[in-house]
Amino acid sequence: MKLHYMGKYNLDPDSLPHGEHKEGAVKFREAGDTAELGRIVSKVSLILLAVLMTALLYRYRSIPSEQWLIGLLLFLASLFPHELLHAVCFRGDVYLYTNLVQGMLFVVGPEDMSKARFVFMSLLPNIIFGLVPFVVAMALPELGWLGIFGTISLTVGAGDYYNVKNALTQMPKGARCYLYKHNSYWYMP
């Protein structure tokens, strides 16, 4: 993996690095535009937040405000490492973009990958920064701050879960996928 920091993303999908389309490539059936994707991801996030917070508050009954603050600050500190965990799953060049005004921080790479590697790449940061801290916090009652961190991290991973759902339901066995601008495509090698 070779990481290139590209700076602020200018909202122009043509500016994103990409390879050529593969013969017979099929575009994932994805949200039609950014607004539709935002609505889908927001709904998933809110449902996930409600379920996880209910479980966390049932376990802890009450979490002191300083633990809420620690969990939130830890989450904010994990945003860049979250993208680095996506990046390490690429074998070649990977490009990191930011547009913090729009709430964007993402990586993109022009290489193709198997369905399993795409799913792993999508879920890795959510497992490390979300699932593991949440499970540990549920097991150890003095770590409410870790539960807050895990809950927020799992909740904001909704866009990654959307990509995983698309890969698992749309890619046939043996297919490979790649990113082209803002969309994902699959093809049979």
N, C-alpha and C. Protein backbone atom coordinates (compact mmCIF):
# COMPACT_ATOMS: atom_id res chain seq x y z
N MET A 1 0.84 -1.17 0.00
CA MET A 1 0.00 0.00 0.00
C MET A 1 0.89 1.24 0.00
N LYS A 2 0.56 2.16 -0.87
CA LYS A 2 1.25 3.44 -0.91
C LYS A 2 0.19 4.52 -0.78
N LEU A 3 0.22 5.25 0.35
CA LEU A 3 -0.80 6.24 0.64
C LEU A 3 -0.39 7.60 0.09
N HIS A 4 -1.33 8.24 -0.60
CA HIS A 4 -1.14 9.59 -1.12
C HIS A 4 -2.20 10.48 -0.48
N TYR A 5 -1.75 11.53 0.22
CA TYR A 5 -2.70 12.48 0.79
C TYR A 5 -3.02 13.51 -0.28
N MET A 6 -4.29 13.60 -0.65
CA MET A 6 -4.70 14.47 -1.76
C MET A 6 -5.29 15.80 -1.29
N GLY A 7 -5.49 15.97 -0.01
CA GLY A 7 -6.03 17.23 0.48
C GLY A 7 -7.54 17.29 0.37
N LYS A 8 -8.02 18.51 0.23
CA LYS A 8 -9.46 18.74 0.22
C LYS A 8 -10.09 18.22 -1.08
N TYR A 9 -11.14 17.41 -0.91
CA TYR A 9 -11.90 16.91 -2.05
C TYR A 9 -12.81 18.03 -2.55
N ASN A 10 -12.77 18.28 -3.84
CA ASN A 10 -13.50 19.41 -4.43
C ASN A 10 -14.91 19.04 -4.91
N LEU A 11 -15.41 17.88 -4.53
CA LEU A 11 -16.76 17.40 -4.87
C LEU A 11 -16.92 17.08 -6.35
N ASP A 12 -15.82 16.95 -7.08
CA ASP A 12 -15.85 16.59 -8.50
C ASP A 12 -15.42 15.14 -8.64
N PRO A 13 -16.37 14.22 -8.93
CA PRO A 13 -16.00 12.81 -9.03
C PRO A 13 -14.98 12.54 -10.14
N ASP A 14 -14.92 13.40 -11.15
CA ASP A 14 -13.94 13.20 -12.22
C ASP A 14 -12.51 13.41 -11.74
N SER A 15 -12.34 14.08 -10.61
CA SER A 15 -11.00 14.33 -10.08
C SER A 15 -10.45 13.14 -9.29
N LEU A 16 -11.29 12.15 -9.00
CA LEU A 16 -10.84 10.98 -8.24
C LEU A 16 -10.04 10.04 -9.14
N PRO A 17 -8.95 9.47 -8.63
CA PRO A 17 -8.18 8.52 -9.44
C PRO A 17 -8.99 7.26 -9.70
N HIS A 18 -8.88 6.76 -10.90
CA HIS A 18 -9.60 5.53 -11.26
C HIS A 18 -8.92 4.90 -12.46
N GLY A 19 -9.12 3.61 -12.59
CA GLY A 19 -8.60 2.90 -13.75
C GLY A 19 -9.65 2.89 -14.86
N GLU A 20 -9.39 2.06 -15.85
CA GLU A 20 -10.34 1.90 -16.94
C GLU A 20 -11.40 0.88 -16.53
N HIS A 21 -12.58 0.99 -17.13
CA HIS A 21 -13.61 0.00 -16.88
C HIS A 21 -13.17 -1.35 -17.43
N LYS A 22 -13.51 -2.40 -16.69
CA LYS A 22 -13.22 -3.78 -17.11
C LYS A 22 -14.32 -4.23 -18.06
N GLU A 23 -13.96 -5.10 -18.96
CA GLU A 23 -14.93 -5.62 -19.92
C GLU A 23 -16.04 -6.36 -19.17
N GLY A 24 -17.27 -6.04 -19.48
CA GLY A 24 -18.43 -6.68 -18.86
C GLY A 24 -18.73 -6.19 -17.45
N ALA A 25 -18.14 -5.08 -17.03
CA ALA A 25 -18.35 -4.57 -15.68
C ALA A 25 -19.81 -4.16 -15.47
N VAL A 26 -20.30 -4.44 -14.28
CA VAL A 26 -21.67 -4.13 -13.90
C VAL A 26 -21.64 -3.16 -12.72
N LYS A 27 -22.31 -2.04 -12.89
CA LYS A 27 -22.36 -1.04 -11.83
C LYS A 27 -23.24 -1.57 -10.69
N PHE A 28 -22.78 -1.42 -9.46
CA PHE A 28 -23.60 -1.81 -8.31
C PHE A 28 -24.90 -1.02 -8.35
N ARG A 29 -25.99 -1.67 -7.95
CA ARG A 29 -27.24 -0.96 -7.76
C ARG A 29 -27.10 -0.22 -6.44
N GLU A 30 -26.84 1.08 -6.53
CA GLU A 30 -26.60 1.91 -5.37
C GLU A 30 -27.58 3.07 -5.36
N ALA A 31 -27.54 3.83 -4.29
CA ALA A 31 -28.37 5.04 -4.21
C ALA A 31 -28.11 5.91 -5.43
N GLY A 32 -29.17 6.53 -5.93
CA GLY A 32 -29.07 7.32 -7.16
C GLY A 32 -28.22 8.56 -7.04
N ASP A 33 -28.22 9.20 -5.88
CA ASP A 33 -27.42 10.42 -5.70
C ASP A 33 -26.99 10.52 -4.24
N THR A 34 -26.22 11.53 -3.95
CA THR A 34 -25.69 11.72 -2.60
C THR A 34 -26.80 11.92 -1.58
N ALA A 35 -27.84 12.63 -1.95
CA ALA A 35 -28.95 12.88 -1.02
C ALA A 35 -29.66 11.57 -0.66
N GLU A 36 -29.91 10.72 -1.65
CA GLU A 36 -30.57 9.43 -1.39
C GLU A 36 -29.67 8.55 -0.51
N LEU A 37 -28.38 8.52 -0.82
CA LEU A 37 -27.44 7.75 -0.01
C LEU A 37 -27.44 8.28 1.42
N GLY A 38 -27.45 9.59 1.57
CA GLY A 38 -27.48 10.20 2.91
C GLY A 38 -28.70 9.78 3.70
N ARG A 39 -29.86 9.70 3.04
CA ARG A 39 -31.09 9.28 3.72
C ARG A 39 -30.98 7.81 4.16
N ILE A 40 -30.46 6.96 3.30
CA ILE A 40 -30.32 5.53 3.64
C ILE A 40 -29.37 5.36 4.81
N VAL A 41 -28.20 5.99 4.72
CA VAL A 41 -27.19 5.86 5.76
C VAL A 41 -27.69 6.46 7.07
N SER A 42 -28.41 7.58 7.01
CA SER A 42 -28.95 8.19 8.22
C SER A 42 -29.95 7.28 8.92
N LYS A 43 -30.81 6.64 8.16
CA LYS A 43 -31.79 5.73 8.75
C LYS A 43 -31.10 4.56 9.44
N VAL A 44 -30.12 3.96 8.75
CA VAL A 44 -29.38 2.83 9.34
C VAL A 44 -28.66 3.29 10.60
N SER A 45 -28.03 4.47 10.54
CA SER A 45 -27.29 5.00 11.69
C SER A 45 -28.21 5.21 12.89
N LEU A 46 -29.37 5.80 12.65
CA LEU A 46 -30.29 6.07 13.76
C LEU A 46 -30.82 4.79 14.40
N ILE A 47 -31.15 3.81 13.57
CA ILE A 47 -31.61 2.52 14.10
C ILE A 47 -30.51 1.86 14.92
N LEU A 48 -29.31 1.83 14.36
CA LEU A 48 -28.17 1.24 15.05
C LEU A 48 -27.87 1.98 16.35
N LEU A 49 -27.91 3.30 16.31
CA LEU A 49 -27.67 4.10 17.51
C LEU A 49 -28.70 3.78 18.60
N ALA A 50 -29.96 3.68 18.21
CA ALA A 50 -31.01 3.38 19.19
C ALA A 50 -30.79 2.00 19.83
N VAL A 51 -30.47 1.01 19.03
CA VAL A 51 -30.27 -0.34 19.55
C VAL A 51 -29.05 -0.40 20.46
N LEU A 52 -27.93 0.15 20.00
CA LEU A 52 -26.69 0.08 20.78
C LEU A 52 -26.77 0.90 22.06
N MET A 53 -27.35 2.09 21.98
CA MET A 53 -27.49 2.92 23.19
C MET A 53 -28.43 2.28 24.20
N THR A 54 -29.49 1.65 23.70
CA THR A 54 -30.39 0.95 24.60
C THR A 54 -29.65 -0.16 25.34
N ALA A 55 -28.86 -0.94 24.61
CA ALA A 55 -28.08 -2.02 25.23
C ALA A 55 -27.06 -1.46 26.21
N LEU A 56 -26.37 -0.40 25.82
CA LEU A 56 -25.34 0.20 26.67
C LEU A 56 -25.96 0.78 27.95
N LEU A 57 -27.06 1.50 27.81
CA LEU A 57 -27.69 2.10 28.98
C LEU A 57 -28.36 1.05 29.87
N TYR A 58 -28.82 -0.04 29.27
CA TYR A 58 -29.37 -1.14 30.07
C TYR A 58 -28.25 -1.76 30.90
N ARG A 59 -27.08 -1.89 30.30
CA ARG A 59 -25.93 -2.49 31.00
C ARG A 59 -25.40 -1.57 32.09
N TYR A 60 -25.32 -0.28 31.82
CA TYR A 60 -24.68 0.66 32.74
C TYR A 60 -25.66 1.45 33.62
N ARG A 61 -26.89 1.52 33.23
CA ARG A 61 -27.90 2.31 33.94
C ARG A 61 -27.60 3.81 33.84
N SER A 62 -26.38 4.20 34.12
CA SER A 62 -26.00 5.60 34.09
C SER A 62 -24.51 5.68 33.75
N ILE A 63 -24.17 6.59 32.86
CA ILE A 63 -22.77 6.80 32.50
C ILE A 63 -22.44 8.25 32.81
N PRO A 64 -21.42 8.49 33.64
CA PRO A 64 -21.07 9.88 34.00
C PRO A 64 -20.71 10.71 32.77
N SER A 65 -21.00 12.00 32.85
CA SER A 65 -20.80 12.90 31.71
C SER A 65 -19.34 12.94 31.25
N GLU A 66 -18.38 12.82 32.17
CA GLU A 66 -16.98 12.83 31.74
C GLU A 66 -16.65 11.60 30.89
N GLN A 67 -17.32 10.47 31.15
CA GLN A 67 -17.10 9.29 30.31
C GLN A 67 -17.70 9.47 28.92
N TRP A 68 -18.83 10.17 28.83
CA TRP A 68 -19.41 10.50 27.53
C TRP A 68 -18.43 11.35 26.74
N LEU A 69 -17.84 12.34 27.40
CA LEU A 69 -16.89 13.23 26.75
C LEU A 69 -15.64 12.47 26.28
N ILE A 70 -15.12 11.60 27.12
CA ILE A 70 -13.95 10.81 26.74
C ILE A 70 -14.27 9.95 25.53
N GLY A 71 -15.42 9.29 25.54
CA GLY A 71 -15.82 8.45 24.41
C GLY A 71 -15.95 9.24 23.12
N LEU A 72 -16.53 10.43 23.22
CA LEU A 72 -16.69 11.29 22.04
C LEU A 72 -15.34 11.78 21.53
N LEU A 73 -14.48 12.22 22.41
CA LEU A 73 -13.16 12.69 21.99
C LEU A 73 -12.32 11.56 21.38
N LEU A 74 -12.44 10.37 21.95
CA LEU A 74 -11.73 9.22 21.39
C LEU A 74 -12.24 8.91 19.98
N PHE A 75 -13.55 9.02 19.80
CA PHE A 75 -14.11 8.81 18.47
C PHE A 75 -13.54 9.83 17.48
N LEU A 76 -13.53 11.10 17.85
CA LEU A 76 -13.00 12.14 16.96
C LEU A 76 -11.54 11.87 16.62
N ALA A 77 -10.78 11.40 17.60
CA ALA A 77 -9.37 11.08 17.37
C ALA A 77 -9.19 9.87 16.46
N SER A 78 -10.22 9.04 16.33
CA SER A 78 -10.12 7.82 15.52
C SER A 78 -10.52 8.02 14.06
N LEU A 79 -10.99 9.19 13.68
CA LEU A 79 -11.48 9.39 12.31
C LEU A 79 -10.38 9.15 11.27
N PHE A 80 -9.23 9.75 11.46
CA PHE A 80 -8.13 9.56 10.52
C PHE A 80 -7.62 8.11 10.55
N PRO A 81 -7.37 7.53 11.75
CA PRO A 81 -6.97 6.11 11.78
C PRO A 81 -8.01 5.17 11.15
N HIS A 82 -9.28 5.52 11.24
CA HIS A 82 -10.34 4.72 10.59
C HIS A 82 -10.04 4.60 9.10
N GLU A 83 -9.72 5.73 8.47
CA GLU A 83 -9.43 5.71 7.03
C GLU A 83 -8.13 4.99 6.74
N LEU A 84 -7.16 5.09 7.63
CA LEU A 84 -5.90 4.36 7.44
C LEU A 84 -6.12 2.85 7.47
N LEU A 85 -7.06 2.40 8.31
CA LEU A 85 -7.37 0.97 8.33
C LEU A 85 -8.01 0.52 7.01
N HIS A 86 -8.86 1.37 6.42
CA HIS A 86 -9.35 1.05 5.07
C HIS A 86 -8.17 0.98 4.11
N ALA A 87 -7.26 1.96 4.20
CA ALA A 87 -6.16 2.08 3.25
C ALA A 87 -5.22 0.88 3.27
N VAL A 88 -4.95 0.32 4.45
CA VAL A 88 -4.00 -0.80 4.52
C VAL A 88 -4.51 -2.05 3.80
N CYS A 89 -5.78 -2.08 3.47
CA CYS A 89 -6.35 -3.22 2.76
C CYS A 89 -6.12 -3.15 1.25
N PHE A 90 -5.57 -2.04 0.78
CA PHE A 90 -5.23 -1.91 -0.63
C PHE A 90 -3.79 -2.36 -0.83
N ARG A 91 -3.52 -2.98 -1.95
CA ARG A 91 -2.16 -3.44 -2.24
C ARG A 91 -1.34 -2.38 -2.95
N GLY A 92 -2.00 -1.56 -3.74
CA GLY A 92 -1.30 -0.55 -4.53
C GLY A 92 -1.51 0.84 -3.97
N ASP A 93 -1.63 1.79 -4.88
CA ASP A 93 -1.82 3.18 -4.49
C ASP A 93 -3.22 3.39 -3.93
N VAL A 94 -3.27 4.18 -2.87
CA VAL A 94 -4.54 4.54 -2.26
C VAL A 94 -4.47 6.03 -1.93
N TYR A 95 -5.59 6.72 -2.11
CA TYR A 95 -5.62 8.18 -2.03
C TYR A 95 -6.57 8.61 -0.93
N LEU A 96 -6.07 9.48 -0.05
CA LEU A 96 -6.86 9.98 1.07
C LEU A 96 -7.32 11.40 0.77
N TYR A 97 -8.63 11.61 0.91
CA TYR A 97 -9.23 12.93 0.67
C TYR A 97 -9.95 13.40 1.92
N THR A 98 -10.01 14.72 2.06
CA THR A 98 -10.78 15.31 3.15
C THR A 98 -11.65 16.43 2.58
N ASN A 99 -12.74 16.67 3.23
CA ASN A 99 -13.56 17.86 3.03
C ASN A 99 -14.36 17.98 4.31
N LEU A 100 -13.70 18.49 5.33
CA LEU A 100 -14.29 18.48 6.66
C LEU A 100 -15.52 19.35 6.77
N VAL A 101 -15.63 20.40 5.95
CA VAL A 101 -16.83 21.24 5.95
C VAL A 101 -18.05 20.40 5.56
N GLN A 102 -17.87 19.49 4.62
CA GLN A 102 -18.94 18.60 4.17
C GLN A 102 -18.99 17.31 5.01
N GLY A 103 -18.10 17.18 5.98
CA GLY A 103 -18.07 15.97 6.81
C GLY A 103 -17.48 14.78 6.09
N MET A 104 -16.54 15.02 5.18
CA MET A 104 -15.97 13.94 4.38
C MET A 104 -14.53 13.66 4.75
N LEU A 105 -14.21 12.39 4.87
CA LEU A 105 -12.86 11.89 5.03
C LEU A 105 -12.94 10.48 4.46
N PHE A 106 -12.23 10.23 3.37
CA PHE A 106 -12.35 8.92 2.73
C PHE A 106 -11.09 8.57 1.95
N VAL A 107 -10.96 7.27 1.68
CA VAL A 107 -9.88 6.79 0.82
C VAL A 107 -10.49 6.14 -0.40
N VAL A 108 -9.74 6.17 -1.48
CA VAL A 108 -10.16 5.53 -2.72
C VAL A 108 -8.92 4.96 -3.39
N GLY A 109 -9.08 3.83 -4.01
CA GLY A 109 -7.98 3.22 -4.74
C GLY A 109 -8.49 2.65 -6.05
N PRO A 110 -7.69 2.72 -7.10
CA PRO A 110 -8.15 2.26 -8.41
C PRO A 110 -8.05 0.75 -8.64
N GLU A 111 -7.49 0.01 -7.71
CA GLU A 111 -7.29 -1.43 -7.94
C GLU A 111 -8.59 -2.21 -7.77
N ASP A 112 -8.61 -3.39 -8.34
CA ASP A 112 -9.76 -4.27 -8.13
C ASP A 112 -9.44 -5.22 -6.98
N MET A 113 -10.50 -5.78 -6.38
CA MET A 113 -10.32 -6.69 -5.27
C MET A 113 -11.45 -7.72 -5.25
N SER A 114 -11.18 -8.81 -4.57
CA SER A 114 -12.18 -9.85 -4.42
C SER A 114 -13.30 -9.37 -3.51
N LYS A 115 -14.41 -10.08 -3.57
CA LYS A 115 -15.53 -9.74 -2.69
C LYS A 115 -15.10 -9.83 -1.23
N ALA A 116 -14.36 -10.88 -0.87
CA ALA A 116 -13.93 -11.06 0.53
C ALA A 116 -13.03 -9.91 0.98
N ARG A 117 -12.10 -9.48 0.14
CA ARG A 117 -11.20 -8.39 0.54
C ARG A 117 -11.96 -7.07 0.62
N PHE A 118 -12.92 -6.86 -0.29
CA PHE A 118 -13.73 -5.64 -0.25
C PHE A 118 -14.54 -5.58 1.04
N VAL A 119 -15.15 -6.70 1.41
CA VAL A 119 -15.93 -6.75 2.65
C VAL A 119 -15.02 -6.52 3.85
N PHE A 120 -13.86 -7.19 3.86
CA PHE A 120 -12.90 -7.00 4.95
C PHE A 120 -12.44 -5.56 5.04
N MET A 121 -12.10 -4.97 3.90
CA MET A 121 -11.66 -3.57 3.86
C MET A 121 -12.75 -2.64 4.41
N SER A 122 -13.99 -2.91 4.06
CA SER A 122 -15.11 -2.07 4.50
C SER A 122 -15.36 -2.20 6.00
N LEU A 123 -15.19 -3.40 6.55
CA LEU A 123 -15.54 -3.65 7.94
C LEU A 123 -14.40 -3.49 8.94
N LEU A 124 -13.16 -3.57 8.49
CA LEU A 124 -12.02 -3.58 9.42
C LEU A 124 -12.05 -2.44 10.44
N PRO A 125 -12.18 -1.17 10.04
CA PRO A 125 -12.18 -0.11 11.05
C PRO A 125 -13.39 -0.17 11.99
N ASN A 126 -14.50 -0.66 11.49
CA ASN A 126 -15.70 -0.76 12.32
C ASN A 126 -15.57 -1.87 13.36
N ILE A 127 -14.83 -2.91 13.02
CA ILE A 127 -14.57 -3.98 13.98
C ILE A 127 -13.60 -3.49 15.05
N ILE A 128 -12.49 -2.88 14.62
CA ILE A 128 -11.45 -2.47 15.57
C ILE A 128 -11.90 -1.30 16.44
N PHE A 129 -12.51 -0.29 15.85
CA PHE A 129 -12.90 0.89 16.63
C PHE A 129 -14.34 0.85 17.14
N GLY A 130 -15.13 -0.10 16.67
CA GLY A 130 -16.53 -0.17 17.06
C GLY A 130 -16.89 -1.42 17.84
N LEU A 131 -16.85 -2.55 17.17
CA LEU A 131 -17.33 -3.79 17.77
C LEU A 131 -16.48 -4.22 18.98
N VAL A 132 -15.17 -4.22 18.82
CA VAL A 132 -14.30 -4.67 19.92
C VAL A 132 -14.47 -3.77 21.16
N PRO A 133 -14.39 -2.44 21.03
CA PRO A 133 -14.59 -1.62 22.23
C PRO A 133 -15.99 -1.79 22.85
N PHE A 134 -17.01 -1.93 22.01
CA PHE A 134 -18.37 -2.09 22.53
C PHE A 134 -18.49 -3.39 23.33
N VAL A 135 -17.96 -4.48 22.79
CA VAL A 135 -18.04 -5.78 23.48
C VAL A 135 -17.25 -5.74 24.79
N VAL A 136 -16.05 -5.15 24.74
CA VAL A 136 -15.25 -5.04 25.96
C VAL A 136 -15.99 -4.21 27.02
N ALA A 137 -16.59 -3.11 26.61
CA ALA A 137 -17.33 -2.26 27.54
C ALA A 137 -18.54 -2.98 28.13
N MET A 138 -19.17 -3.82 27.34
CA MET A 138 -20.31 -4.58 27.86
C MET A 138 -19.86 -5.62 28.88
N ALA A 139 -18.62 -6.08 28.76
CA ALA A 139 -18.10 -7.10 29.67
C ALA A 139 -17.50 -6.49 30.94
N LEU A 140 -16.95 -5.29 30.83
CA LEU A 140 -16.27 -4.67 31.96
C LEU A 140 -16.99 -3.39 32.39
N PRO A 141 -17.69 -3.43 33.49
CA PRO A 141 -18.59 -2.34 33.88
C PRO A 141 -17.93 -0.99 34.15
N GLU A 142 -16.63 -0.93 34.35
CA GLU A 142 -16.00 0.36 34.63
C GLU A 142 -15.58 1.11 33.36
N LEU A 143 -15.87 0.56 32.19
CA LEU A 143 -15.42 1.15 30.93
C LEU A 143 -16.55 1.74 30.10
N GLY A 144 -17.39 2.53 30.71
CA GLY A 144 -18.50 3.16 30.00
C GLY A 144 -18.02 4.03 28.84
N TRP A 145 -16.91 4.72 29.03
CA TRP A 145 -16.36 5.58 27.97
C TRP A 145 -16.02 4.76 26.73
N LEU A 146 -15.57 3.53 26.93
CA LEU A 146 -15.24 2.67 25.80
C LEU A 146 -16.51 2.23 25.08
N GLY A 147 -17.59 2.04 25.82
CA GLY A 147 -18.87 1.71 25.22
C GLY A 147 -19.40 2.86 24.37
N ILE A 148 -19.23 4.09 24.86
CA ILE A 148 -19.65 5.27 24.10
C ILE A 148 -18.84 5.34 22.80
N PHE A 149 -17.53 5.18 22.91
CA PHE A 149 -16.65 5.19 21.74
C PHE A 149 -17.08 4.12 20.73
N GLY A 150 -17.30 2.90 21.20
CA GLY A 150 -17.69 1.81 20.32
C GLY A 150 -19.05 2.04 19.67
N THR A 151 -19.98 2.56 20.45
CA THR A 151 -21.32 2.84 19.92
C THR A 151 -21.27 3.88 18.80
N ILE A 152 -20.57 4.97 19.03
CA ILE A 152 -20.49 6.02 18.01
C ILE A 152 -19.77 5.48 16.78
N SER A 153 -18.67 4.74 17.00
CA SER A 153 -17.90 4.20 15.87
C SER A 153 -18.73 3.23 15.04
N LEU A 154 -19.49 2.37 15.70
CA LEU A 154 -20.35 1.43 14.96
C LEU A 154 -21.44 2.16 14.21
N THR A 155 -21.97 3.20 14.81
CA THR A 155 -23.06 3.95 14.19
C THR A 155 -22.61 4.67 12.93
N VAL A 156 -21.46 5.31 12.97
CA VAL A 156 -21.01 6.06 11.79
C VAL A 156 -20.47 5.15 10.69
N GLY A 157 -20.39 3.86 10.95
CA GLY A 157 -19.96 2.91 9.92
C GLY A 157 -21.07 2.51 8.97
N ALA A 158 -22.23 3.14 9.06
CA ALA A 158 -23.38 2.74 8.25
C ALA A 158 -23.09 2.77 6.75
N GLY A 159 -22.32 3.73 6.28
CA GLY A 159 -21.96 3.78 4.86
C GLY A 159 -21.15 2.57 4.45
N ASP A 160 -20.25 2.13 5.34
CA ASP A 160 -19.47 0.92 5.07
C ASP A 160 -20.37 -0.31 5.02
N TYR A 161 -21.36 -0.37 5.93
CA TYR A 161 -22.28 -1.52 5.94
C TYR A 161 -23.11 -1.56 4.66
N TYR A 162 -23.45 -0.38 4.16
CA TYR A 162 -24.21 -0.29 2.90
C TYR A 162 -23.37 -0.89 1.76
N ASN A 163 -22.08 -0.57 1.71
CA ASN A 163 -21.20 -1.14 0.68
C ASN A 163 -21.08 -2.65 0.83
N VAL A 164 -20.99 -3.13 2.06
CA VAL A 164 -20.90 -4.57 2.30
C VAL A 164 -22.17 -5.27 1.84
N LYS A 165 -23.32 -4.70 2.17
CA LYS A 165 -24.60 -5.28 1.75
C LYS A 165 -24.66 -5.38 0.23
N ASN A 166 -24.24 -4.33 -0.45
CA ASN A 166 -24.25 -4.34 -1.92
C ASN A 166 -23.32 -5.41 -2.47
N ALA A 167 -22.13 -5.52 -1.91
CA ALA A 167 -21.18 -6.52 -2.39
C ALA A 167 -21.72 -7.94 -2.16
N LEU A 168 -22.25 -8.19 -0.98
CA LEU A 168 -22.72 -9.54 -0.65
C LEU A 168 -23.96 -9.94 -1.45
N THR A 169 -24.80 -9.00 -1.77
CA THR A 169 -26.05 -9.33 -2.46
C THR A 169 -25.97 -9.21 -3.98
N GLN A 170 -24.95 -8.51 -4.50
CA GLN A 170 -24.91 -8.27 -5.94
C GLN A 170 -23.76 -8.97 -6.66
N MET A 171 -22.68 -9.25 -5.97
CA MET A 171 -21.53 -9.85 -6.64
C MET A 171 -21.65 -11.37 -6.65
N PRO A 172 -21.58 -11.98 -7.82
CA PRO A 172 -21.59 -13.44 -7.86
C PRO A 172 -20.26 -14.01 -7.37
N LYS A 173 -20.26 -15.29 -7.08
CA LYS A 173 -19.04 -15.97 -6.61
C LYS A 173 -17.94 -15.82 -7.66
N GLY A 174 -16.76 -15.47 -7.20
CA GLY A 174 -15.61 -15.32 -8.08
C GLY A 174 -15.48 -13.95 -8.72
N ALA A 175 -16.45 -13.08 -8.49
CA ALA A 175 -16.40 -11.74 -9.09
C ALA A 175 -15.37 -10.88 -8.37
N ARG A 176 -14.93 -9.86 -9.05
CA ARG A 176 -14.03 -8.86 -8.48
C ARG A 176 -14.71 -7.50 -8.60
N CYS A 177 -14.35 -6.58 -7.72
CA CYS A 177 -14.96 -5.26 -7.77
C CYS A 177 -13.89 -4.18 -7.77
N TYR A 178 -14.31 -3.00 -8.18
CA TYR A 178 -13.42 -1.84 -8.17
C TYR A 178 -14.26 -0.58 -8.06
N LEU A 179 -13.58 0.49 -7.64
CA LEU A 179 -14.24 1.79 -7.51
C LEU A 179 -13.96 2.61 -8.76
N TYR A 180 -14.96 3.29 -9.24
CA TYR A 180 -14.82 4.18 -10.38
C TYR A 180 -15.59 5.44 -10.04
N LYS A 181 -14.84 6.50 -9.76
CA LYS A 181 -15.42 7.75 -9.27
C LYS A 181 -16.14 7.46 -7.96
N HIS A 182 -17.44 7.72 -7.88
CA HIS A 182 -18.17 7.48 -6.63
C HIS A 182 -18.92 6.15 -6.63
N ASN A 183 -18.73 5.34 -7.64
CA ASN A 183 -19.51 4.12 -7.75
C ASN A 183 -18.62 2.88 -7.71
N SER A 184 -19.24 1.77 -7.35
CA SER A 184 -18.57 0.48 -7.33
C SER A 184 -19.09 -0.34 -8.50
N TYR A 185 -18.19 -1.15 -9.06
CA TYR A 185 -18.51 -2.04 -10.18
C TYR A 185 -17.97 -3.42 -9.87
N TRP A 186 -18.61 -4.43 -10.43
CA TRP A 186 -18.09 -5.78 -10.32
C TRP A 186 -18.00 -6.37 -11.73
N TYR A 187 -17.11 -7.36 -11.85
CA TYR A 187 -16.95 -8.05 -13.13
C TYR A 187 -16.43 -9.45 -12.86
N MET A 188 -16.57 -10.31 -13.83
CA MET A 188 -16.03 -11.68 -13.74
C MET A 188 -14.71 -11.71 -14.48
N PRO A 189 -13.63 -12.10 -13.80
CA PRO A 189 -12.31 -12.12 -14.47
C PRO A 189 -12.23 -13.24 -15.51
